[in-house]
């Protein structure tokens, strides 16, 4: 075979191999394509395009950063009220008719229908009527840490008359007992303190005088018990007086959603500074309807400072009752006496500073300390800023003549004890530092064990459980049998006392308990485990 014949044979062989390979590829490709087409044809929506999740992109994060910044400073407050005895009379049908000393008998409801306080009546049954059985009640609210040593600012109505106060932080399962440092009913504020919680982060306090209508507002709290809930809106009004009888409550109004349980929590500006303490909502249904009220932080800070110094707030008064300014009645009264602006004195308190100085009903206060008085706010602000015992110069119009009186400022709570005297005394309701279990126990002898059909040789009988105690918190019940504490066997009351003595505030405690099932004491004994953290 010649050289050219060899070359021709090799080219033919190469071409044949290439053609064969190409044919195999076409066959395989056809099969794969047919399989994919078959798969597409068999899908539920062959003409649908799969959704593609994009890479995460950080959007505007002002509110999320604010929430992270303040969340650890906002607390959930849980209070417990023990049953209170009530007197009852018989109605016309011979049935008990409960009576409430604080009942509004005029049938109008007044501001109670407009302002839905976040707790309402903790002893009520939901429709405004007292519960005859009066079971122990509990309620929830919010608060904000303002001092790293454990001081918390909240509303007075959150803790008022509570027998027990517990505070919970976001992400922390422990409930910390709290005690009341002081309250101020006229502004509905209270200061409480906890111990045992480390690394507390106080919220930053802003200046509510700088707030403008239209500014962003953020509320954080526990509406309906949902802890660490964040809502946003704007400041919709300032200096809002919702109750003419409340001289010291001039609210910031906001449409940031606040609901029952937000009470006592902070209202924040866009920088995360506290500008108010959420206090009330305007609602016909009891839920959020676009209007909420927060006490300005400047007012709250002054109250807080007085409470931590003196345990209460002391305000001055000259002992008068005047017509609220800005009403048609007050305007008409002033004009009828030939005065354009001022404060019309409706009543001078007998024996009060104003009467002693010579003032009378019907006087119109037009000046204080040489400055004109436009309305009641000007007068009240000047008087309460004056130290008790110091005089103020009051200028009045009487019989179209101007007269001046030197009035010595007295104590508001003493002059009007019924309205402003309830914040002077505070019940020491919480015992911070108690380490007892809060139960009484008995030893079990053989006869008791036989009567109870109890085969276990260990254990002590729980004879009673104190309300609001650690024992009740973990779930211990009367007639439970404690057989072990923290994996240590218990055979006598001395064992319980010994083990309890080794525990410190914050210690974890686990009880192994025998509990009889069924009624009448004839059921089987079942083992259960109960655990909690010793209170501080």
Protein backbone atom coordinates (compact mmCIF):
# COMPACT_ATOMS: atom_id res chain seq x y z
CA UNK A 1 0.00 0.00 0.00
CA UNK A 2 1.35 3.33 -1.00
CA UNK A 3 1.84 6.28 1.31
CA UNK A 4 -1.15 8.12 -0.14
CA UNK A 5 -3.36 5.05 0.33
CA UNK A 6 -2.41 4.93 4.04
CA UNK A 7 -3.26 8.61 4.47
CA UNK A 8 -6.59 8.16 2.75
CA UNK A 9 -7.45 5.19 5.02
CA UNK A 10 -6.58 7.14 8.20
CA UNK A 11 -8.72 10.14 7.15
CA UNK A 12 -11.65 7.84 6.40
CA UNK A 13 -11.27 6.15 9.80
CA UNK A 14 -11.11 9.52 11.62
CA UNK A 15 -14.17 10.82 9.78
CA UNK A 16 -16.06 7.63 10.58
CA UNK A 17 -15.20 7.93 14.32
CA UNK A 18 -16.21 11.60 14.36
CA UNK A 19 -19.50 10.85 12.64
CA UNK A 20 -20.20 8.04 15.11
CA UNK A 21 -19.44 10.25 18.12
CA UNK A 22 -21.64 13.02 16.78
CA UNK A 23 -24.48 10.57 16.22
CA UNK A 24 -24.21 9.26 19.80
CA UNK A 25 -24.29 12.85 21.13
CA UNK A 26 -27.38 13.69 19.12
CA UNK A 27 -29.15 10.62 20.43
CA UNK A 28 -28.24 11.38 24.07
CA UNK A 29 -29.24 15.05 23.69
CA UNK A 30 -32.56 14.04 22.19
CA UNK A 31 -33.26 11.70 25.08
CA UNK A 32 -32.36 14.32 27.72
CA UNK A 33 -34.44 17.00 25.99
CA UNK A 34 -37.37 14.63 25.76
CA UNK A 35 -37.08 13.84 29.47
CA UNK A 36 -36.99 17.54 30.43
CA UNK A 37 -39.94 18.30 28.15
CA UNK A 38 -41.82 15.40 29.66
CA UNK A 39 -41.04 16.71 33.15
CA UNK A 40 -42.25 20.21 32.20
CA UNK A 41 -45.36 18.87 30.61
CA UNK A 42 -46.14 16.90 33.78
CA UNK A 43 -45.83 19.94 36.19
CA UNK A 44 -48.92 21.54 37.81
CA UNK A 45 -48.31 24.93 36.16
CA UNK A 46 -46.00 24.51 33.14
CA UNK A 47 -46.33 28.18 32.15
CA UNK A 48 -45.45 29.53 35.63
CA UNK A 49 -42.07 31.12 36.36
CA UNK A 50 -40.42 30.07 39.65
CA UNK A 51 -39.98 32.82 42.22
CA UNK A 52 -36.43 33.86 42.93
CA UNK A 53 -35.54 35.27 46.36
CA UNK A 54 -33.07 38.16 45.96
CA UNK A 55 -30.03 38.66 48.11
CA UNK A 56 -30.84 40.43 51.39
CA UNK A 57 -30.54 44.20 51.08
CA UNK A 58 -30.71 46.46 54.15
CA UNK A 59 -33.53 48.97 53.75
CA UNK A 60 -34.30 52.03 55.85
CA UNK A 61 -33.41 50.86 59.36
CA UNK A 62 -34.16 53.82 61.62
CA UNK A 63 -37.00 52.11 63.45
CA UNK A 64 -35.31 48.71 63.67
CA UNK A 65 -32.17 50.28 65.15
CA UNK A 66 -34.29 52.27 67.57
CA UNK A 67 -36.12 49.13 68.69
CA UNK A 68 -32.86 47.26 69.27
CA UNK A 69 -31.45 50.22 71.16
CA UNK A 70 -34.34 50.60 73.62
CA UNK A 71 -35.83 47.09 73.80
CA UNK A 72 -33.67 45.98 76.73
CA UNK A 73 -34.76 49.04 78.75
CA UNK A 74 -38.50 48.38 78.44
CA UNK A 75 -40.04 45.95 80.92
CA UNK A 76 -43.24 44.01 81.37
CA UNK A 77 -44.86 44.54 84.78
CA UNK A 78 -47.17 41.93 86.27
CA UNK A 79 -49.20 42.73 89.37
CA UNK A 80 -51.34 40.61 91.65
CA UNK A 81 -54.28 41.75 93.76
CA UNK A 82 -55.52 39.66 96.66
CA UNK A 83 -59.27 39.58 97.38
CA UNK A 84 -60.49 42.62 99.27
CA UNK A 85 -63.53 42.44 101.56
CA UNK A 86 -66.56 44.44 100.42
CA UNK A 87 -69.73 45.38 102.22
CA UNK A 88 -73.00 44.33 100.63
CA UNK A 89 -76.63 45.31 101.04
CA UNK A 90 -79.76 43.56 99.91
CA UNK A 91 -81.52 44.78 96.81
CA UNK A 92 -85.26 44.83 96.26
CA UNK A 93 -85.21 41.19 95.16
CA UNK A 94 -83.47 40.07 98.31
CA UNK A 95 -80.15 39.46 96.58
CA UNK A 96 -76.78 40.89 97.58
CA UNK A 97 -76.18 44.27 95.98
CA UNK A 98 -72.45 45.10 95.97
CA UNK A 99 -71.42 48.67 96.74
CA UNK A 100 -68.23 50.43 95.81
CA UNK A 101 -67.12 53.53 97.63
CA UNK A 102 -65.61 54.84 94.38
CA UNK A 103 -68.70 54.13 92.29
CA UNK A 104 -69.90 56.90 89.99
CA UNK A 105 -73.62 57.08 90.62
CA UNK A 106 -74.50 59.89 88.24
CA UNK A 107 -75.09 57.45 85.37
CA UNK A 108 -73.09 59.47 82.87
CA UNK A 109 -69.70 57.81 83.08
CA UNK A 110 -68.06 61.11 82.09
CA UNK A 111 -64.38 60.76 81.38
CA UNK A 112 -64.53 57.05 82.23
CA UNK A 113 -66.17 56.47 78.85
CA UNK A 114 -63.58 58.61 77.07
CA UNK A 115 -60.41 57.49 78.80
CA UNK A 116 -59.92 53.74 78.95
CA UNK A 117 -57.27 53.22 81.58
CA UNK A 118 -55.25 50.20 80.68
CA UNK A 119 -56.15 48.18 83.73
CA UNK A 120 -59.66 49.46 84.28
CA UNK A 121 -61.07 47.87 87.45
CA UNK A 122 -58.81 44.90 88.33
CA UNK A 123 -61.51 43.51 90.60
CA UNK A 124 -64.29 43.77 88.03
CA UNK A 125 -65.83 40.99 86.00
CA UNK A 126 -65.43 42.67 82.64
CA UNK A 127 -68.74 44.55 82.46
CA UNK A 128 -68.05 47.12 85.13
CA UNK A 129 -69.79 45.28 87.97
CA UNK A 130 -67.79 43.99 90.95
CA UNK A 131 -67.26 40.26 91.25
CA UNK A 132 -69.03 38.95 94.34
CA UNK A 133 -66.61 36.04 94.79
CA UNK A 134 -63.63 38.36 94.39
CA UNK A 135 -60.99 35.89 93.28
CA UNK A 136 -57.41 37.03 93.28
CA UNK A 137 -56.75 39.12 90.19
CA UNK A 138 -53.71 39.87 88.11
CA UNK A 139 -52.93 42.52 85.54
CA UNK A 140 -50.12 43.60 83.27
CA UNK A 141 -48.49 46.84 82.22
CA UNK A 142 -45.18 48.28 81.07
CA UNK A 143 -42.33 50.37 82.42
CA UNK A 144 -38.98 51.81 81.41
CA UNK A 145 -35.63 51.53 83.21
CA UNK A 146 -34.26 55.01 83.91
CA UNK A 147 -31.43 54.13 86.30
CA UNK A 148 -28.88 51.32 86.12
CA UNK A 149 -29.42 50.60 89.83
CA UNK A 150 -32.85 49.17 89.06
CA UNK A 151 -35.21 52.16 89.14
CA UNK A 152 -38.16 51.95 86.77
CA UNK A 153 -40.66 54.63 85.79
CA UNK A 154 -44.25 53.49 85.18
CA UNK A 155 -47.85 54.56 85.79
CA UNK A 156 -49.39 54.71 89.23
CA UNK A 157 -52.47 52.85 88.03
CA UNK A 158 -50.21 49.96 86.95
CA UNK A 159 -49.06 49.28 90.53
CA UNK A 160 -51.76 50.97 92.60
CA UNK A 161 -53.12 48.69 95.37
CA UNK A 162 -51.08 45.75 94.06
CA UNK A 163 -50.07 43.15 96.64
CA UNK A 164 -47.28 41.89 94.45
CA UNK A 165 -45.24 43.38 91.61
CA UNK A 166 -43.01 41.37 89.26
CA UNK A 167 -40.88 42.68 86.42
CA UNK A 168 -39.79 40.77 83.34
CA UNK A 169 -37.21 41.73 80.71
CA UNK A 170 -37.25 40.73 77.06
CA UNK A 171 -35.33 37.48 76.55
CA UNK A 172 -35.02 36.83 80.30
CA UNK A 173 -37.36 34.15 81.69
CA UNK A 174 -36.89 35.29 85.30
CA UNK A 175 -39.51 37.49 86.93
CA UNK A 176 -37.90 39.96 89.33
CA UNK A 177 -39.85 41.15 92.39
CA UNK A 178 -40.16 44.91 92.68
CA UNK A 179 -41.02 47.34 95.45
CA UNK A 180 -42.66 50.74 95.19
CA UNK A 181 -40.41 53.70 95.96
CA UNK A 182 -43.14 56.30 95.60
CA UNK A 183 -46.19 57.29 93.58
CA UNK A 184 -47.81 60.51 92.41
CA UNK A 185 -51.53 60.17 91.77
CA UNK A 186 -52.06 63.63 90.19
CA UNK A 187 -49.74 62.72 87.29
CA UNK A 188 -50.44 58.97 87.47
CA UNK A 189 -46.75 58.13 87.82
CA UNK A 190 -44.88 55.67 90.02
CA UNK A 191 -41.28 54.70 90.66
CA UNK A 192 -40.48 51.05 91.42
CA UNK A 193 -37.17 49.29 92.01
CA UNK A 194 -35.88 45.79 91.34
CA UNK A 195 -32.76 44.02 92.55
CA UNK A 196 -30.85 41.02 91.29
CA UNK A 197 -30.80 41.91 87.60
CA UNK A 198 -27.31 42.64 86.30
CA UNK A 199 -26.15 45.00 83.56
CA UNK A 200 -29.30 47.10 83.45
CA UNK A 201 -29.41 49.57 80.59
CA UNK A 202 -31.36 52.76 81.30
CA UNK A 203 -33.17 54.43 78.42
CA UNK A 204 -32.04 57.85 77.26
CA UNK A 205 -34.25 60.69 78.42
CA UNK A 206 -35.15 63.37 75.88
CA UNK A 207 -36.66 66.85 76.20
CA UNK A 208 -40.40 66.88 75.56
CA UNK A 209 -40.40 70.66 75.18
CA UNK A 210 -38.62 70.15 71.85
CA UNK A 211 -41.37 67.88 70.49
CA UNK A 212 -43.37 69.27 67.59
CA UNK A 213 -46.67 68.18 66.11
CA UNK A 214 -45.85 65.91 63.17
CA UNK A 215 -42.67 64.45 64.72
CA UNK A 216 -42.22 60.69 64.55
CA UNK A 217 -43.25 58.84 67.70
CA UNK A 218 -42.56 55.22 68.66
CA UNK A 219 -44.28 53.32 71.48
CA UNK A 220 -42.78 50.20 73.06
CA UNK A 221 -44.53 48.06 75.65
CA UNK A 222 -46.65 45.00 76.33
CA UNK A 223 -50.07 45.57 74.76
CA UNK A 224 -52.42 42.75 75.75
CA UNK A 225 -49.37 41.10 77.37
CA UNK A 226 -47.39 40.79 74.11
CA UNK A 227 -43.99 41.86 75.37
CA UNK A 228 -41.63 44.14 73.42
CA UNK A 229 -44.22 45.30 70.89
CA UNK A 230 -43.10 48.28 68.79
CA UNK A 231 -45.52 50.65 67.04
CA UNK A 232 -44.88 53.93 65.24
CA UNK A 233 -46.83 57.06 64.38
CA UNK A 234 -46.55 60.80 64.85
CA UNK A 235 -47.21 63.38 67.51
CA UNK A 236 -50.72 64.55 66.66
CA UNK A 237 -51.14 67.22 69.35
CA UNK A 238 -49.42 68.79 72.38
CA UNK A 239 -50.65 70.11 75.71
CA UNK A 240 -53.79 68.03 75.41
CA UNK A 241 -56.01 68.30 78.52
CA UNK A 242 -58.37 65.34 78.50
CA UNK A 243 -59.81 65.93 81.97
CA UNK A 244 -60.34 69.50 83.24
CA UNK A 245 -60.14 68.22 86.82
CA UNK A 246 -56.57 67.01 86.32
CA UNK A 247 -54.43 70.12 86.68
CA UNK A 248 -51.10 68.36 86.23
CA UNK A 249 -51.80 66.16 83.21
CA UNK A 250 -51.08 67.94 79.93
CA UNK A 251 -50.49 65.13 77.44
CA UNK A 252 -48.67 64.52 74.21
CA UNK A 253 -51.22 63.03 71.82
CA UNK A 254 -50.06 60.38 69.34
CA UNK A 255 -51.46 58.02 66.76
CA UNK A 256 -48.74 55.43 67.43
CA UNK A 257 -50.79 52.34 68.25
CA UNK A 258 -50.98 51.85 72.01
CA UNK A 259 -53.37 49.45 73.71
CA UNK A 260 -54.16 48.03 77.14
CA UNK A 261 -50.83 46.86 78.56
CA UNK A 262 -48.78 49.68 76.99
CA UNK A 263 -49.53 51.74 80.07
CA UNK A 264 -46.34 52.94 81.75
CA UNK A 265 -44.15 52.20 78.73
CA UNK A 266 -42.09 54.84 76.91
CA UNK A 267 -43.00 57.03 73.97
CA UNK A 268 -39.82 57.69 71.98
CA UNK A 269 -38.62 60.17 69.40
CA UNK A 270 -36.77 59.09 66.27
CA UNK A 271 -33.45 59.24 68.17
CA UNK A 272 -34.66 56.66 70.67
CA UNK A 273 -35.02 59.17 73.50
CA UNK A 274 -37.93 58.92 75.92
CA UNK A 275 -40.26 61.88 75.38
CA UNK A 276 -43.28 60.58 77.27
CA UNK A 277 -44.83 57.87 79.45
CA UNK A 278 -47.85 56.23 77.79
CA UNK A 279 -50.79 56.74 80.12
CA UNK A 280 -54.20 56.54 78.47
CA UNK A 281 -56.13 56.04 75.26
CA UNK A 282 -59.32 57.53 73.90
CA UNK A 283 -61.55 54.63 72.98
CA UNK A 284 -65.18 53.61 72.86
CA UNK A 285 -64.31 49.94 72.50
CA UNK A 286 -61.37 49.59 74.88
CA UNK A 287 -58.92 49.10 71.99
CA UNK A 288 -56.77 51.43 69.93
CA UNK A 289 -58.70 53.90 67.81
CA UNK A 290 -55.97 56.24 66.67
CA UNK A 291 -55.62 58.45 69.76
CA UNK A 292 -53.26 57.85 72.66
CA UNK A 293 -51.87 60.06 75.40
CA UNK A 294 -48.41 60.17 76.96
CA UNK A 295 -47.34 62.31 79.88
CA UNK A 296 -44.38 64.47 78.73
CA UNK A 297 -41.06 63.24 80.05
CA UNK A 298 -40.16 66.68 81.42
CA UNK A 299 -43.10 66.40 83.80
CA UNK A 300 -42.28 62.75 84.55
CA UNK A 301 -38.62 63.59 85.27
CA UNK A 302 -39.58 66.25 87.82
CA UNK A 303 -41.90 63.79 89.54
CA UNK A 304 -39.24 61.06 89.46
CA UNK A 305 -36.61 63.36 90.99
CA UNK A 306 -38.93 64.32 93.86
CA UNK A 307 -39.84 60.70 94.53
CA UNK A 308 -36.26 59.40 94.70
CA UNK A 309 -35.36 62.27 97.04
CA UNK A 310 -38.40 62.41 99.31
CA UNK A 311 -40.51 59.35 98.49
CA UNK A 312 -43.36 61.58 97.30
CA UNK A 313 -44.10 64.74 95.36
CA UNK A 314 -44.85 67.90 97.31
CA UNK A 315 -46.71 70.66 95.49
CA UNK A 316 -47.71 74.12 96.55
CA UNK A 317 -51.25 75.52 96.58
CA UNK A 318 -52.98 78.77 97.57
CA UNK A 319 -56.25 76.98 98.29
CA UNK A 320 -58.67 77.98 95.56
CA UNK A 321 -60.90 76.26 93.01
CA UNK A 322 -61.10 78.06 89.67
CA UNK A 323 -62.97 77.77 86.39
CA UNK A 324 -60.99 75.85 83.74
CA UNK A 325 -59.65 78.20 81.08
CA UNK A 326 -60.48 77.96 77.41
CA UNK A 327 -64.16 77.17 77.89
CA UNK A 328 -67.16 79.22 76.81
CA UNK A 329 -68.18 79.54 80.46
CA UNK A 330 -64.83 80.94 81.59
CA UNK A 331 -64.75 83.39 78.68
CA UNK A 332 -68.27 84.61 79.42
CA UNK A 333 -67.50 84.97 83.13
CA UNK A 334 -64.44 87.08 82.47
CA UNK A 335 -66.24 89.33 80.00
CA UNK A 336 -69.18 89.82 82.37
CA UNK A 337 -66.71 91.20 84.93
CA UNK A 338 -65.03 93.41 82.35
CA UNK A 339 -61.82 91.37 82.11
CA UNK A 340 -60.29 89.91 78.92
CA UNK A 341 -58.02 87.31 80.52
CA UNK A 342 -57.33 85.83 83.92
CA UNK A 343 -58.52 83.10 86.30
CA UNK A 344 -62.01 83.23 87.80
CA UNK A 345 -62.02 82.03 91.43
CA UNK A 346 -65.08 79.86 92.01
CA UNK A 347 -64.31 78.93 95.60
CA UNK A 348 -61.81 79.85 98.27
CA UNK A 349 -61.02 76.91 100.55
CA UNK A 350 -62.02 77.67 104.15
CA UNK A 351 -58.94 78.06 106.31
CA UNK A 352 -56.63 77.91 103.29
CA UNK A 353 -53.84 80.34 102.39
CA UNK A 354 -55.98 82.43 100.01
CA UNK A 355 -58.73 82.95 102.58
CA UNK A 356 -56.21 83.86 105.26
CA UNK A 357 -54.77 86.48 102.91
CA UNK A 358 -58.21 88.00 102.27
CA UNK A 359 -59.19 86.59 98.87
CA UNK A 360 -62.86 85.81 98.13
CA UNK A 361 -65.04 83.79 95.79
CA UNK A 362 -65.59 85.72 92.56
CA UNK A 363 -62.15 87.32 92.50
CA UNK A 364 -60.41 87.25 89.13
CA UNK A 365 -56.67 86.59 89.33
CA UNK A 366 -54.94 88.70 86.68
CA UNK A 367 -51.34 88.60 87.90
CA UNK A 368 -48.87 86.66 90.02
CA UNK A 369 -45.54 88.04 91.18
CA UNK A 370 -45.97 91.03 88.87
CA UNK A 371 -46.55 88.94 85.72
CA UNK A 372 -49.88 88.72 83.91
CA UNK A 373 -51.90 85.51 84.26
CA UNK A 374 -53.55 84.36 81.03
CA UNK A 375 -55.04 81.11 82.26
CA UNK A 376 -55.01 78.52 85.02
CA UNK A 377 -51.82 76.98 83.71
CA UNK A 378 -49.85 80.18 84.31
CA UNK A 379 -51.13 80.36 87.87
CA UNK A 380 -50.59 76.69 88.74
CA UNK A 381 -47.09 76.56 87.23
CA UNK A 382 -45.98 79.56 89.28
CA UNK A 383 -47.51 78.36 92.54
CA UNK A 384 -46.21 74.78 92.41
CA UNK A 385 -42.74 76.10 91.56
CA UNK A 386 -42.77 78.14 94.78
CA UNK A 387 -41.41 76.48 97.89
CA UNK A 388 -44.04 75.74 100.50
CA UNK A 389 -44.01 78.44 103.15
CA UNK A 390 -42.89 81.20 100.79
CA UNK A 391 -45.29 83.96 99.70
CA UNK A 392 -46.56 84.84 96.24
CA UNK A 393 -48.06 88.18 95.26
CA UNK A 394 -51.52 87.66 93.76
CA UNK A 395 -53.22 90.50 91.85
CA UNK A 396 -57.01 90.27 91.49
CA UNK A 397 -59.84 92.28 90.01
CA UNK A 398 -62.68 92.78 92.50
CA UNK A 399 -65.60 95.12 91.86
CA UNK A 400 -63.71 96.49 88.83
CA UNK A 401 -60.78 97.45 91.06
CA UNK A 402 -57.33 95.89 91.22
CA UNK A 403 -56.17 94.57 94.59
CA UNK A 404 -52.97 92.81 95.65
CA UNK A 405 -52.63 90.02 98.23
CA UNK A 406 -49.58 88.30 99.70
CA UNK A 407 -50.47 84.62 99.92
CA UNK A 408 -48.24 82.08 101.69
CA UNK A 409 -48.08 78.87 99.64
CA UNK A 410 -49.34 75.76 101.45
CA UNK A 411 -49.08 72.01 100.85
CA UNK A 412 -51.51 70.87 98.14
CA UNK A 413 -51.97 67.44 99.72
CA UNK A 414 -52.92 68.98 103.06
CA UNK A 415 -55.25 71.60 101.62
CA UNK A 416 -57.04 69.09 99.36
CA UNK A 417 -56.45 65.71 101.05
CA UNK A 418 -59.36 64.00 99.28
CA UNK A 419 -58.07 64.76 95.80
CA UNK A 420 -54.30 65.00 96.21
CA UNK A 421 -53.49 63.29 99.48
CA UNK A 422 -53.52 59.66 98.26
CA UNK A 423 -49.95 59.74 97.01
CA UNK A 424 -48.38 60.62 100.36
CA UNK A 425 -48.23 57.13 101.79
CA UNK A 426 -47.00 54.05 100.01
CA UNK A 427 -47.69 50.52 101.15
CA UNK A 428 -44.47 48.47 101.37
CA UNK A 429 -45.96 45.68 99.31
CA UNK A 430 -42.93 43.79 98.06
CA UNK A 431 -40.21 42.12 100.09
CA UNK A 432 -37.07 42.20 98.01
CA UNK A 433 -34.55 39.73 99.38
CA UNK A 434 -36.94 37.14 100.82
CA UNK A 435 -35.70 33.58 100.27
CA UNK A 436 -38.43 31.45 101.91
CA UNK A 437 -40.47 29.03 99.87
CA UNK A 438 -43.70 30.48 101.22
CA UNK A 439 -45.44 27.32 102.42
CA UNK A 440 -46.08 25.34 105.59
CA UNK A 441 -45.14 21.65 105.65
CA UNK A 442 -45.71 18.66 107.92
CA UNK A 443 -43.86 15.44 108.58
CA UNK A 444 -45.56 12.22 107.48
CA UNK A 445 -45.70 9.24 109.87
CA UNK A 446 -46.63 5.68 108.94
CA UNK A 447 -50.26 6.18 109.89
CA UNK A 448 -50.54 9.21 107.60
CA UNK A 449 -48.92 7.30 104.77
CA UNK A 450 -51.34 4.43 105.21
CA UNK A 451 -54.33 6.80 105.28
CA UNK A 452 -53.10 8.54 102.14
CA UNK A 453 -52.25 5.22 100.46
CA UNK A 454 -48.73 6.57 99.97
CA UNK A 455 -46.09 3.87 99.45
CA UNK A 456 -43.08 6.17 99.12
CA UNK A 457 -41.10 6.26 102.39
CA UNK A 458 -39.76 9.78 101.78
CA UNK A 459 -41.54 13.08 101.59
CA UNK A 460 -43.19 15.89 103.56
CA UNK A 461 -46.78 17.04 103.20
CA UNK A 462 -47.54 20.56 101.97
CA UNK A 463 -50.11 21.84 104.47
CA UNK A 464 -50.69 25.30 102.90
CA UNK A 465 -49.25 27.62 100.26
CA UNK A 466 -49.02 31.35 100.82
CA UNK A 467 -50.49 33.61 98.14
CA UNK A 468 -47.93 35.34 95.90
CA UNK A 469 -45.12 33.15 97.24
CA UNK A 470 -42.33 31.29 95.47
CA UNK A 471 -44.08 28.01 96.28
CA UNK A 472 -47.21 29.20 94.52
CA UNK A 473 -45.17 30.49 91.58
CA UNK A 474 -43.67 27.10 90.86
CA UNK A 475 -47.08 25.41 91.18
CA UNK A 476 -46.99 23.66 94.55
CA UNK A 477 -50.44 22.84 95.95
CA UNK A 478 -51.88 21.94 99.32
CA UNK A 479 -51.57 18.16 99.99
CA UNK A 480 -48.63 17.76 97.59
CA UNK A 481 -45.85 15.54 98.94
CA UNK A 482 -42.31 16.85 98.34
CA UNK A 483 -39.91 13.92 98.06
CA UNK A 484 -36.81 15.71 96.75
CA UNK A 485 -35.39 19.20 96.25
CA UNK A 486 -32.57 19.70 93.76
CA UNK A 487 -32.10 15.91 93.59
CA UNK A 488 -31.64 15.70 97.39
CA UNK A 489 -34.06 13.35 99.14
CA UNK A 490 -36.49 14.89 101.60
CA UNK A 491 -37.80 12.81 104.49
CA UNK A 492 -38.54 15.50 107.09
CA UNK A 493 -39.20 19.20 107.49
CA UNK A 494 -35.63 19.57 108.76
CA UNK A 495 -34.39 18.43 105.36
CA UNK A 496 -36.39 21.17 103.66
CA UNK A 497 -35.04 23.78 106.09
CA UNK A 498 -31.47 22.57 105.54
CA UNK A 499 -31.71 22.63 101.74
CA UNK A 500 -33.46 25.99 101.74
CA UNK A 501 -30.60 27.41 103.82
CA UNK A 502 -28.10 26.57 101.09
CA UNK A 503 -30.00 28.46 98.41
CA UNK A 504 -29.28 32.03 97.40
CA UNK A 505 -31.31 34.57 95.42
CA UNK A 506 -31.18 33.54 91.78
CA UNK A 507 -30.61 29.84 92.57
CA UNK A 508 -32.51 27.33 90.45
CA UNK A 509 -34.77 25.07 92.52
CA UNK A 510 -36.40 21.83 91.32
CA UNK A 511 -39.00 19.96 93.38
CA UNK A 512 -39.86 16.31 92.86
CA UNK A 513 -43.46 16.05 93.98
CA UNK A 514 -46.05 13.34 94.42
CA UNK A 515 -49.57 14.54 93.63
CA UNK A 516 -52.71 12.47 94.05
CA UNK A 517 -55.00 12.34 91.05
CA UNK A 518 -58.79 12.22 91.11
CA UNK A 519 -61.24 13.45 93.70
CA UNK A 520 -61.79 12.26 97.24
CA UNK A 521 -58.16 11.32 97.81
CA UNK A 522 -58.52 7.84 96.34
CA UNK A 523 -56.66 8.31 93.07
CA UNK A 524 -53.13 7.21 92.23
CA UNK A 525 -50.09 9.23 93.18
CA UNK A 526 -48.28 10.70 90.16
CA UNK A 527 -44.77 12.10 90.11
CA UNK A 528 -44.32 15.62 88.77
CA UNK A 529 -41.44 18.06 88.67
CA UNK A 530 -41.79 21.75 89.49
CA UNK A 531 -39.01 24.31 89.15
CA UNK A 532 -38.28 28.00 89.48
CA UNK A 533 -35.66 30.59 90.36
CA UNK A 534 -35.36 31.86 93.93
CA UNK A 535 -36.52 35.48 94.14
CA UNK A 536 -34.14 38.24 95.02
